[in-house]
Structure formats: structure tokens, C-alpha cells
Protein backbone atom coordinates (compact mmCIF):
# COMPACT_ATOMS: atom_id res chain seq x y z
CA MET A 1 -4.21 -11.89 -44.51
CA ASN A 2 -7.49 -10.23 -43.65
CA SER A 3 -9.40 -10.19 -40.22
CA ALA A 4 -11.02 -13.54 -39.70
CA PRO A 5 -14.69 -13.65 -41.16
CA ASN A 6 -17.65 -12.80 -38.96
CA ILE A 7 -15.65 -10.40 -36.78
CA ASP A 8 -17.00 -6.81 -36.40
CA THR A 9 -13.62 -5.20 -36.09
CA ASP A 10 -14.91 -1.80 -35.53
CA ALA A 11 -16.92 -2.97 -32.55
CA THR A 12 -14.01 -4.96 -31.25
CA LYS A 13 -11.74 -2.08 -31.63
CA GLN A 14 -14.03 0.22 -29.70
CA ARG A 15 -14.28 -2.43 -27.01
CA LEU A 16 -10.60 -2.70 -26.66
CA LEU A 17 -10.24 1.08 -26.54
CA ASP A 18 -12.81 1.40 -23.84
CA ARG A 19 -10.94 -1.26 -21.76
CA ARG A 20 -7.64 0.50 -22.32
CA LYS A 21 -9.11 3.69 -21.03
CA GLU A 22 -10.68 1.93 -17.98
CA LEU A 23 -7.05 0.29 -17.16
CA GLU A 24 -5.33 3.60 -17.61
CA SER A 25 -7.71 5.35 -15.33
CA LEU A 26 -7.42 2.52 -12.64
CA ILE A 27 -3.55 2.78 -12.95
CA GLU A 28 -3.71 6.48 -12.55
CA SER A 29 -6.00 6.44 -9.48
CA SER A 30 -4.17 3.71 -7.80
CA ALA A 31 -0.75 5.32 -8.31
CA GLY A 32 -1.70 8.04 -5.82
CA THR A 33 -2.81 5.68 -3.09
CA ARG A 34 0.32 3.53 -3.11
CA ALA A 35 2.56 4.33 -0.17
CA ASP A 36 5.86 2.85 0.96
CA THR A 37 5.53 0.44 3.95
CA GLU A 38 6.62 1.70 7.15
CA LEU A 39 9.36 -0.57 8.33
CA ASP A 40 9.92 0.81 11.84
CA GLN A 41 8.37 -1.61 14.19
CA GLN A 42 8.74 0.98 17.09
CA ARG A 43 6.17 3.27 15.39
CA ILE A 44 3.69 0.46 14.26
CA GLY A 45 2.96 -2.86 15.22
CA ARG A 46 4.39 -6.03 13.84
CA LEU A 47 1.08 -7.30 12.35
CA SER A 48 0.20 -3.85 11.08
CA ARG A 49 3.59 -3.80 9.28
CA ILE A 50 2.93 -7.31 7.92
CA ASP A 51 -0.60 -6.38 6.70
CA ALA A 52 0.87 -3.18 5.05
CA MET A 53 3.66 -5.31 3.27
CA GLN A 54 0.99 -7.73 2.06
CA GLN A 55 -1.31 -5.03 0.69
CA GLN A 56 1.74 -3.37 -0.91
CA ALA A 57 2.61 -6.80 -2.59
CA MET A 58 -0.94 -7.25 -3.75
CA ASP A 59 -1.22 -3.67 -5.15
CA ALA A 60 2.05 -4.32 -7.03
CA GLU A 61 0.76 -7.50 -8.54
CA THR A 62 -2.43 -5.84 -9.50
CA GLY A 63 -0.49 -3.04 -11.31
CA ARG A 64 1.65 -5.71 -13.08
CA ARG A 65 -1.51 -7.46 -14.29
CA ARG A 66 -2.94 -4.21 -15.53
CA GLU A 67 0.20 -3.30 -17.50
CA GLN A 68 0.27 -6.74 -18.95
CA GLU A 69 -3.42 -6.45 -20.07
CA LEU A 70 -2.64 -3.01 -21.53
CA ALA A 71 0.26 -4.71 -23.62
CA ARG A 72 -2.12 -7.43 -24.82
CA ILE A 73 -4.65 -4.67 -25.80
CA ALA A 74 -2.02 -2.85 -27.88
CA ALA A 75 -1.09 -6.04 -29.46
CA ALA A 76 -4.68 -6.62 -30.37
CA LEU A 77 -5.15 -3.19 -31.65
CA LYS A 78 -2.10 -3.67 -33.90
CA ARG A 79 -3.40 -6.88 -35.36
CA ILE A 80 -6.66 -5.12 -36.19
CA GLU A 81 -4.60 -2.38 -37.90
CA ASP A 82 -2.57 -4.93 -39.71
CA GLY A 83 -5.57 -6.95 -40.98
CA GLU A 84 -4.34 -10.11 -38.89
CA TYR A 85 -6.84 -9.87 -36.07
CA GLY A 86 -8.84 -13.00 -35.31
CA TYR A 87 -5.91 -15.26 -36.25
CA CYS A 88 -3.68 -17.21 -33.81
CA THR A 89 -0.27 -15.56 -33.46
CA ALA A 90 1.33 -19.10 -33.04
CA CYS A 91 -0.35 -21.10 -35.69
CA ASP A 92 -2.14 -18.57 -37.98
CA GLU A 93 -5.44 -20.53 -37.65
CA PRO A 94 -8.65 -18.63 -37.00
CA ILE A 95 -9.47 -18.04 -33.30
CA ALA A 96 -13.08 -19.09 -32.37
CA ILE A 97 -15.52 -16.18 -32.29
CA LYS A 98 -16.79 -16.97 -28.83
CA ARG A 99 -13.07 -16.93 -27.61
CA LEU A 100 -12.66 -13.47 -29.03
CA GLN A 101 -15.99 -12.31 -27.67
CA ASN A 102 -14.98 -13.40 -24.20
CA ASP A 103 -11.41 -11.71 -24.46
CA PRO A 104 -10.96 -9.71 -27.58
CA ALA A 105 -7.23 -9.30 -26.81
CA ASN A 106 -6.78 -13.03 -26.94
CA PRO A 107 -3.81 -13.85 -29.26
CA LEU A 108 -4.17 -17.54 -29.31
CA CYS A 109 -6.54 -20.16 -30.38
CA ILE A 110 -7.68 -22.83 -27.77
CA ALA A 111 -5.25 -25.32 -29.15
CA CYS A 112 -2.17 -23.22 -28.87
CA ALA A 113 -3.36 -21.77 -25.62
CA SER A 114 -3.55 -25.28 -24.15
CA LYS A 115 -0.02 -26.14 -25.23
CA ALA A 116 1.32 -22.81 -23.82
CA GLY A 117 -0.52 -23.12 -20.51
């Protein structure tokens, strides 16, 4: 199977690589700013501790989402390499060009995404 027609795979690949680089940079820069939450209520107030724990949970979720997006980008780059880019990974039907323009790492056509979601 070749890439779906009307897809500029070179431009798409570059877009995916640029996004991957951006995510890796964000992950690297945020790794240094994450700190363990101080649990000693004697040293900090209860509300400050709750705020710190909430911030820590949000940072962890942001990191998880970035890692998930990196995995989707890697899979999309592999599909480009294998000549399978632009086809739904569930049903093998072409994915709409506008859908791929919106999110070039998208693995599913709209019908399969609707079923999965």
C-alpha cells in the first residue's frame, strides 16, 4: 500500500519532526522545574500544600500527554516510512486530507475514531 493520494509526505514528515523536536524540548525544560511536593504541614500551610500537590498532578498529566503525542508521532513517521501513511489503521480506508492536515499523526478515519471514542 502506498501513501494516500494528494498527501505531501515530505512536508508532513517535516511537520511531524518539528513537532517532535518541540515536544522533546518542552519535556526536557519541564523536567528541571518539577519538584516533589513538600508534605510537612508544619513548614508550609495546608492550602499551599494542596496547591503544590494539584500543580504536581497537572504537571504529571501534561507530561503524560506529551509522551503520548510523541508515541503517536513516532507511529505516523513509521507509517510514512512503510508507505502506509494516510490510511486508517483500523479499517485501511483513506483518512480525509483535512483530518490529516489538522493532526498529521492521526491514525484513524472519522468513522473509526467515532466508534473508538
